[in-house]
Amino acid sequence: MSLANVCSNDALPMLDLPQPYLLFLGDTAAPAYAKTAFGLRDWASERCLGEYALPGGVSLGMSALTPAQARAAGARAMVIGVANVGGVIPAHWLPALLEALAQGLDLVAGMHARLADIPALREQASRHGRRLIDVREPPRGLPVASGRKRSGQRLLTVGTDCALGKKYTALSVARAMRALGVDADFRASGQTGILIAGRGLPMDAVVSDFAAGAAEWLSPDADPAHWDVIEGQGSLSHPAYAGVALALLHGSQPDAIVVCHEPGRREVLGYPGYALPSIEETIELNLLLGRRTNPAIRCAGISLNTAHLDDAAAQALIASESLRLGLPVADPIRGGPALQALVHSCLARSG
């Protein structure tokens, strides 16, 4: 997909990222924790040459390449495509990362753990003249939130949990808006979105006092007809990540939200015993808290991740949930009339 389909040029700085990429999956067995790699495969495939997994790791269905093979094929960097709990780089990954540097590849990561803070990587990069690039680095000088209402229109994707489609929904809606001739930008708020768009702000790496201000900075004043489609993070009901979700909600001041959900998921990912909130609870909580900075906030519809269903079952569920909730419901990846109805609902204005 072309970046022009989801983001136009603006004042947010572009990252200098060496391309194309080899996508490193480590030994991550759960696809949800390899969402960076899957996101790059699905939204920036022209920049991805292949995958490199350790035994037990998931596959993207791409060509399996060693760092040497990838470098010979033209790769310039290896991207750690994992977003695990805590954003850690396990010690048993180091031989593979050191090998990539030795073969002439830069390393790119969006983990909480910084590549340059690992002595072995720092020394190997220096020895071979390679770069260590951490994209989970917020800009300096972020302000405390002002609460000032900004010009322009904003949509925020929110969810019942993590890793269920907030980024894919925002990218799909921004693309669909632009296809309709609407001036719209995708605003990345996490490492995967930043790698896809080439710009953005890693909200979960911002000191909490400045997080809502960072969300204001991410989506500045704009033309009244312009839409910023902002990638959500976490969930207001998450036992660990509610804080980043609330900061985004208050700072982005969305005019509309789209609630993202994976049918069949019963518990919070990685937190056994924590039941997932319902779609209705999630709508109510986001509207209640969102009214603090935008009294006109509304729910435009629901995005379902139906990847585990066949098309007939997915379409039946989309139709029944729309009827039950009284809102447009779509799976943005499946597209079709349901997605168009959701996008038109997003574009409708209150008052």
Protein backbone atom coordinates (compact mmCIF):
# COMPACT_ATOMS: atom_id res chain seq x y z
CA MET A 1 0.00 0.00 0.00
CA SER A 2 1.22 3.50 -0.82
CA LEU A 3 1.73 5.81 2.13
CA ALA A 4 -0.12 8.51 0.20
CA ASN A 5 -3.31 6.50 0.74
CA VAL A 6 -3.23 7.05 4.48
CA CYS A 7 -1.09 10.09 5.22
CA SER A 8 -0.30 13.40 3.55
CA ASN A 9 2.73 15.61 4.06
CA ASP A 10 2.67 17.77 7.18
CA ALA A 11 4.86 19.21 9.90
CA LEU A 12 5.40 15.94 11.79
CA PRO A 13 8.97 14.84 11.02
CA MET A 14 9.61 11.76 8.89
CA LEU A 15 11.97 9.11 10.24
CA ASP A 16 15.12 8.19 8.36
CA LEU A 17 14.66 4.41 8.16
CA PRO A 18 16.91 2.18 6.02
CA GLN A 19 14.81 0.05 3.66
CA PRO A 20 13.94 -2.62 2.64
CA TYR A 21 13.56 -4.75 5.76
CA LEU A 22 14.09 -8.28 7.00
CA LEU A 23 11.41 -8.92 9.64
CA PHE A 24 12.68 -10.63 12.79
CA LEU A 25 10.12 -12.71 14.71
CA GLY A 26 12.32 -14.23 17.41
CA ASP A 27 10.65 -17.27 18.95
CA THR A 28 7.33 -15.50 19.48
CA ALA A 29 4.62 -18.14 19.26
CA ALA A 30 1.51 -15.92 19.54
CA PRO A 31 0.65 -13.90 16.42
CA ALA A 32 -0.80 -11.10 18.59
CA TYR A 33 2.68 -10.45 19.99
CA ALA A 34 4.17 -10.31 16.49
CA LYS A 35 1.82 -7.50 15.46
CA THR A 36 4.65 -5.22 14.32
CA ALA A 37 5.78 -7.78 11.75
CA PHE A 38 2.25 -8.55 10.62
CA GLY A 39 1.44 -4.84 10.36
CA LEU A 40 4.47 -4.17 8.17
CA ARG A 41 3.67 -7.20 6.02
CA ASP A 42 0.07 -6.07 5.51
CA TRP A 43 0.58 -2.30 5.15
CA ALA A 44 4.15 -1.84 3.89
CA SER A 45 4.82 -5.05 1.97
CA GLU A 46 6.87 -3.21 -0.64
CA ARG A 47 9.45 -2.51 2.08
CA CYS A 48 9.68 -6.10 3.37
CA LEU A 49 11.90 -8.74 1.74
CA GLY A 50 11.33 -11.69 4.06
CA GLU A 51 11.17 -13.06 7.58
CA TYR A 52 13.67 -14.51 10.03
CA ALA A 53 12.32 -16.60 12.92
CA LEU A 54 13.97 -18.66 15.61
CA PRO A 55 12.67 -22.20 16.30
CA GLY A 56 9.12 -22.00 17.61
CA GLY A 57 8.43 -18.56 16.14
CA VAL A 58 5.31 -17.73 14.14
CA SER A 59 5.48 -17.29 10.38
CA LEU A 60 4.25 -14.41 8.25
CA GLY A 61 4.07 -16.62 5.19
CA MET A 62 6.95 -14.68 3.61
CA SER A 63 10.26 -15.98 2.30
CA ALA A 64 12.43 -17.29 5.13
CA LEU A 65 15.83 -15.59 4.87
CA THR A 66 18.95 -15.50 6.99
CA PRO A 67 20.54 -12.09 7.55
CA ALA A 68 23.22 -12.96 4.98
CA GLN A 69 20.60 -13.96 2.39
CA ALA A 70 18.55 -10.85 3.09
CA ARG A 71 21.57 -8.58 2.72
CA ALA A 72 22.45 -10.25 -0.57
CA ALA A 73 18.87 -9.64 -1.74
CA GLY A 74 19.16 -5.94 -0.97
CA ALA A 75 17.89 -5.60 2.60
CA ARG A 76 19.36 -2.69 4.55
CA ALA A 77 17.87 -3.32 7.99
CA MET A 78 16.39 -5.99 10.20
CA VAL A 79 13.29 -4.87 12.08
CA ILE A 80 12.34 -6.55 15.34
CA GLY A 81 8.73 -7.32 14.53
CA VAL A 82 7.67 -8.23 18.06
CA ALA A 83 5.66 -6.25 20.61
CA ASN A 84 5.82 -8.48 23.68
CA VAL A 85 4.71 -7.74 27.23
CA GLY A 86 7.08 -5.16 28.66
CA GLY A 87 8.85 -4.59 25.32
CA VAL A 88 11.87 -6.71 26.30
CA ILE A 89 14.71 -8.09 24.19
CA PRO A 90 15.49 -11.58 25.56
CA ALA A 91 19.15 -12.57 25.89
CA HIS A 92 18.68 -15.61 23.64
CA TRP A 93 17.81 -13.27 20.73
CA LEU A 94 21.21 -11.59 20.87
CA PRO A 95 23.12 -14.06 18.62
CA ALA A 96 20.60 -13.43 15.81
CA LEU A 97 20.74 -9.66 16.28
CA LEU A 98 24.55 -9.68 16.39
CA GLU A 99 24.62 -11.77 13.21
CA ALA A 100 22.39 -9.25 11.41
CA LEU A 101 24.79 -6.44 12.29
CA ALA A 102 27.79 -8.53 11.21
CA GLN A 103 26.13 -9.19 7.84
CA GLY A 104 25.71 -5.48 7.16
CA LEU A 105 22.16 -4.82 8.34
CA ASP A 106 21.11 -1.95 10.59
CA LEU A 107 18.77 -2.88 13.45
CA VAL A 108 15.39 -1.17 13.92
CA ALA A 109 13.20 -1.77 16.97
CA GLY A 110 10.18 -0.35 18.74
CA MET A 111 10.66 -2.08 22.08
CA HIS A 112 10.74 -0.42 25.47
CA ALA A 113 14.22 -1.92 25.80
CA ARG A 114 16.62 0.27 23.83
CA LEU A 115 19.01 -1.34 21.37
CA ALA A 116 21.77 1.11 22.24
CA ASP A 117 21.48 0.21 25.94
CA ILE A 118 22.67 -3.36 25.25
CA PRO A 119 26.50 -3.30 25.31
CA ALA A 120 26.97 -6.25 22.95
CA LEU A 121 24.78 -4.65 20.30
CA ARG A 122 26.37 -1.26 20.75
CA GLU A 123 29.87 -2.72 20.34
CA GLN A 124 28.90 -4.84 17.31
CA ALA A 125 27.23 -1.90 15.61
CA SER A 126 30.31 0.23 16.13
CA ARG A 127 32.60 -2.54 14.86
CA HIS A 128 30.65 -2.96 11.61
CA GLY A 129 29.55 0.63 11.06
CA ARG A 130 25.85 -0.14 11.48
CA ARG A 131 23.03 1.88 13.04
CA LEU A 132 20.82 0.99 16.01
CA ILE A 133 17.47 2.74 15.49
CA ASP A 134 14.83 2.87 18.25
CA VAL A 135 11.51 4.29 17.03
CA ARG A 136 9.91 4.22 20.49
CA GLU A 137 11.54 7.56 21.29
CA PRO A 138 9.16 10.46 21.96
CA PRO A 139 10.26 13.94 20.87
CA ARG A 140 11.73 16.29 23.44
CA GLY A 141 9.81 19.22 24.87
CA LEU A 142 6.31 17.74 24.81
CA PRO A 143 3.84 20.01 26.63
CA VAL A 144 1.41 19.32 29.42
CA ALA A 145 -2.08 19.16 27.91
CA SER A 146 -3.87 22.49 27.59
CA GLY A 147 -7.36 21.11 27.06
CA ARG A 148 -7.85 23.77 24.36
CA LYS A 149 -10.28 22.76 21.64
CA ARG A 150 -8.40 22.55 18.33
CA SER A 151 -9.71 23.15 14.84
CA GLY A 152 -10.31 20.25 12.49
CA GLN A 153 -12.09 16.92 12.90
CA ARG A 154 -10.74 13.88 14.77
CA LEU A 155 -11.54 10.19 14.95
CA LEU A 156 -9.98 7.87 17.54
CA THR A 157 -10.06 4.08 17.40
CA VAL A 158 -10.64 2.57 20.85
CA GLY A 159 -10.99 -1.05 21.91
CA THR A 160 -12.19 -3.66 24.34
CA ASP A 161 -8.57 -4.88 24.60
CA CYS A 162 -5.08 -4.63 23.13
CA ALA A 163 -3.98 -6.17 19.81
CA LEU A 164 -7.36 -6.58 18.16
CA GLY A 165 -7.42 -4.08 15.29
CA LYS A 166 -7.23 -0.43 16.38
CA LYS A 167 -4.30 0.28 14.06
CA TYR A 168 -5.73 -1.64 11.10
CA THR A 169 -9.07 0.11 11.59
CA ALA A 170 -7.49 3.57 11.65
CA LEU A 171 -5.41 2.83 8.55
CA SER A 172 -8.43 1.41 6.70
CA VAL A 173 -10.72 4.31 7.63
CA ALA A 174 -8.09 6.91 6.67
CA ARG A 175 -7.60 5.18 3.32
CA ALA A 176 -11.35 5.02 2.69
CA MET A 177 -11.80 8.67 3.59
CA ARG A 178 -9.06 9.72 1.18
CA ALA A 179 -10.65 7.57 -1.53
CA LEU A 180 -13.80 9.66 -1.05
CA GLY A 181 -11.79 12.86 -1.55
CA VAL A 182 -11.70 13.75 2.13
CA ASP A 183 -8.56 15.47 3.44
CA ALA A 184 -7.54 12.86 6.05
CA ASP A 185 -4.36 11.70 7.78
CA PHE A 186 -3.51 8.58 9.73
CA ARG A 187 -1.84 9.51 13.03
CA ALA A 188 0.39 6.76 14.41
CA SER A 189 0.60 6.46 18.19
CA GLY A 190 2.59 3.22 18.50
CA GLN A 191 5.76 1.69 17.13
CA THR A 192 4.11 -0.38 14.38
CA GLY A 193 2.06 2.52 13.08
CA ILE A 194 5.15 4.72 13.13
CA LEU A 195 7.10 2.17 11.09
CA ILE A 196 4.23 1.96 8.59
CA ALA A 197 3.61 5.69 8.26
CA GLY A 198 7.21 6.82 8.78
CA ARG A 199 6.13 9.36 11.41
CA GLY A 200 4.14 9.55 14.61
CA LEU A 201 4.55 9.48 18.37
CA PRO A 202 4.95 6.43 20.66
CA MET A 203 2.37 7.29 23.30
CA ASP A 204 3.32 4.53 25.72
CA ALA A 205 6.88 5.89 25.96
CA VAL A 206 5.78 9.34 27.15
CA VAL A 207 6.02 10.34 30.83
CA SER A 208 2.46 10.20 32.13
CA ASP A 209 2.20 13.92 33.03
CA PHE A 210 2.83 14.78 29.36
CA ALA A 211 0.84 11.98 27.68
CA ALA A 212 -2.36 13.94 27.02
CA GLY A 213 -0.22 16.84 25.81
CA ALA A 214 1.55 14.43 23.46
CA ALA A 215 -1.82 13.45 22.01
CA GLU A 216 -2.59 17.14 21.43
CA TRP A 217 0.80 17.55 19.71
CA LEU A 218 0.14 14.48 17.53
CA SER A 219 -3.04 16.02 16.13
CA PRO A 220 -2.56 19.80 15.87
CA ASP A 221 -4.92 22.50 14.62
CA ALA A 222 -6.12 21.81 11.09
CA ASP A 223 -8.55 23.02 8.46
CA PRO A 224 -12.16 22.61 9.66
CA ALA A 225 -12.77 20.01 6.94
CA HIS A 226 -9.64 17.98 7.73
CA TRP A 227 -9.85 14.63 9.56
CA ASP A 228 -7.11 13.15 11.69
CA VAL A 229 -7.67 9.41 12.15
CA ILE A 230 -5.77 8.56 15.32
CA GLU A 231 -4.52 5.09 16.16
CA GLY A 232 -5.73 4.05 19.60
CA GLN A 233 -3.68 2.25 22.24
CA GLY A 234 -4.64 -0.12 25.04
CA SER A 235 -8.13 -0.03 26.49
CA LEU A 236 -9.82 1.97 29.24
CA SER A 237 -10.66 -1.39 30.87
CA HIS A 238 -7.17 -2.86 30.64
CA PRO A 239 -5.57 -3.66 34.02
CA ALA A 240 -2.16 -2.42 32.82
CA TYR A 241 -2.66 -0.10 29.85
CA ALA A 242 -5.71 2.01 30.70
CA GLY A 243 -3.52 5.05 31.30
CA VAL A 244 -2.33 5.42 27.72
CA ALA A 245 -5.88 4.93 26.44
CA LEU A 246 -7.20 7.70 28.67
CA ALA A 247 -4.40 10.09 27.72
CA LEU A 248 -5.18 9.55 24.04
CA LEU A 249 -8.89 10.02 24.64
CA HIS A 250 -8.45 13.30 26.55
CA GLY A 251 -5.65 14.70 24.40
CA SER A 252 -7.01 13.83 20.97
CA GLN A 253 -10.48 15.21 21.85
CA PRO A 254 -12.14 12.96 19.26
CA ASP A 255 -15.32 14.04 17.56
CA ALA A 256 -15.99 10.38 16.82
CA ILE A 257 -14.79 7.03 18.12
CA VAL A 258 -14.86 3.60 16.51
CA VAL A 259 -14.88 0.72 19.00
CA CYS A 260 -12.73 -2.24 17.98
CA HIS A 261 -13.45 -5.78 19.19
CA GLU A 262 -12.50 -9.38 18.44
CA PRO A 263 -15.57 -11.64 18.64
CA GLY A 264 -14.92 -14.71 20.74
CA ARG A 265 -12.17 -13.19 22.89
CA ARG A 266 -13.32 -13.65 26.48
CA GLU A 267 -10.36 -12.48 28.55
CA VAL A 268 -7.86 -9.63 28.34
CA LEU A 269 -4.90 -10.79 26.27
CA GLY A 270 -2.15 -12.02 28.59
CA TYR A 271 -4.24 -11.43 31.74
CA PRO A 272 -6.14 -14.61 32.63
CA GLY A 273 -9.07 -14.00 34.92
CA TYR A 274 -9.78 -10.50 33.61
CA ALA A 275 -12.99 -10.70 31.61
CA LEU A 276 -13.25 -8.57 28.49
CA PRO A 277 -15.77 -5.72 28.76
CA SER A 278 -18.71 -5.75 26.37
CA ILE A 279 -18.92 -3.46 23.36
CA GLU A 280 -21.71 -1.54 25.07
CA GLU A 281 -19.64 -1.02 28.23
CA THR A 282 -16.72 0.16 26.13
CA ILE A 283 -18.86 2.68 24.25
CA GLU A 284 -20.36 4.02 27.49
CA LEU A 285 -17.01 4.37 29.28
CA ASN A 286 -15.27 6.09 26.37
CA LEU A 287 -18.11 8.55 25.85
CA LEU A 288 -18.34 9.29 29.58
CA LEU A 289 -14.63 10.07 29.93
CA GLY A 290 -14.26 11.61 26.46
CA ARG A 291 -16.89 14.26 27.20
CA ARG A 292 -14.41 15.84 29.60
CA THR A 293 -12.50 17.41 26.68
CA ASN A 294 -15.08 17.13 23.90
CA PRO A 295 -18.72 17.25 25.05
CA ALA A 296 -19.85 16.44 21.47
CA ILE A 297 -18.00 13.09 21.25
CA ARG A 298 -20.04 10.30 19.63
CA CYS A 299 -19.62 6.65 18.69
CA ALA A 300 -19.64 6.31 14.90
CA GLY A 301 -19.65 2.52 14.83
CA ILE A 302 -17.94 -0.77 15.53
CA SER A 303 -14.95 -2.50 13.94
CA LEU A 304 -14.87 -6.29 14.30
CA ASN A 305 -11.76 -8.40 13.78
CA THR A 306 -13.29 -11.48 12.12
CA ALA A 307 -10.05 -12.99 10.81
CA HIS A 308 -10.87 -16.31 12.53
CA LEU A 309 -14.24 -16.64 10.75
CA ASP A 310 -15.09 -17.63 7.19
CA ASP A 311 -16.72 -14.98 5.04
CA ALA A 312 -20.29 -16.20 5.44
CA ALA A 313 -20.03 -16.34 9.24
CA ALA A 314 -18.30 -12.97 9.35
CA GLN A 315 -20.92 -11.23 7.22
CA ALA A 316 -23.75 -12.76 9.27
CA LEU A 317 -22.14 -11.56 12.50
CA ILE A 318 -21.53 -8.08 11.10
CA ALA A 319 -25.18 -7.77 10.09
CA SER A 320 -26.56 -9.13 13.38
CA GLU A 321 -24.30 -6.93 15.53
CA SER A 322 -25.27 -3.85 13.54
CA LEU A 323 -28.94 -4.64 14.10
CA ARG A 324 -28.37 -5.37 17.80
CA LEU A 325 -26.32 -2.25 18.52
CA GLY A 326 -28.08 0.15 16.16
CA LEU A 327 -24.72 1.26 14.72
CA PRO A 328 -22.70 0.59 11.56
CA VAL A 329 -20.51 -2.49 12.03
CA ALA A 330 -17.73 -3.62 9.68
CA ASP A 331 -14.54 -5.61 9.43
CA PRO A 332 -12.30 -3.02 7.70
CA ILE A 333 -10.09 -5.69 6.18
CA ARG A 334 -13.07 -7.36 4.51
CA GLY A 335 -14.27 -3.94 3.29
CA GLY A 336 -17.43 -3.78 1.21
CA PRO A 337 -20.66 -1.85 1.84
CA ALA A 338 -20.38 -2.33 5.60
CA LEU A 339 -17.08 -0.44 5.67
CA GLN A 340 -18.51 2.31 3.48
CA ALA A 341 -21.45 2.70 5.88
CA LEU A 342 -19.02 2.90 8.81
CA VAL A 343 -16.88 5.56 7.10
CA HIS A 344 -19.92 7.68 6.18
CA SER A 345 -21.05 7.47 9.81
CA CYS A 346 -17.59 8.66 10.89
CA LEU A 347 -17.82 11.62 8.52
CA ALA A 348 -21.26 12.68 9.73
CA ARG A 349 -21.06 15.70 11.98
CA SER A 350 -22.84 16.33 15.23
CA GLY A 351 -25.11 19.30 15.41
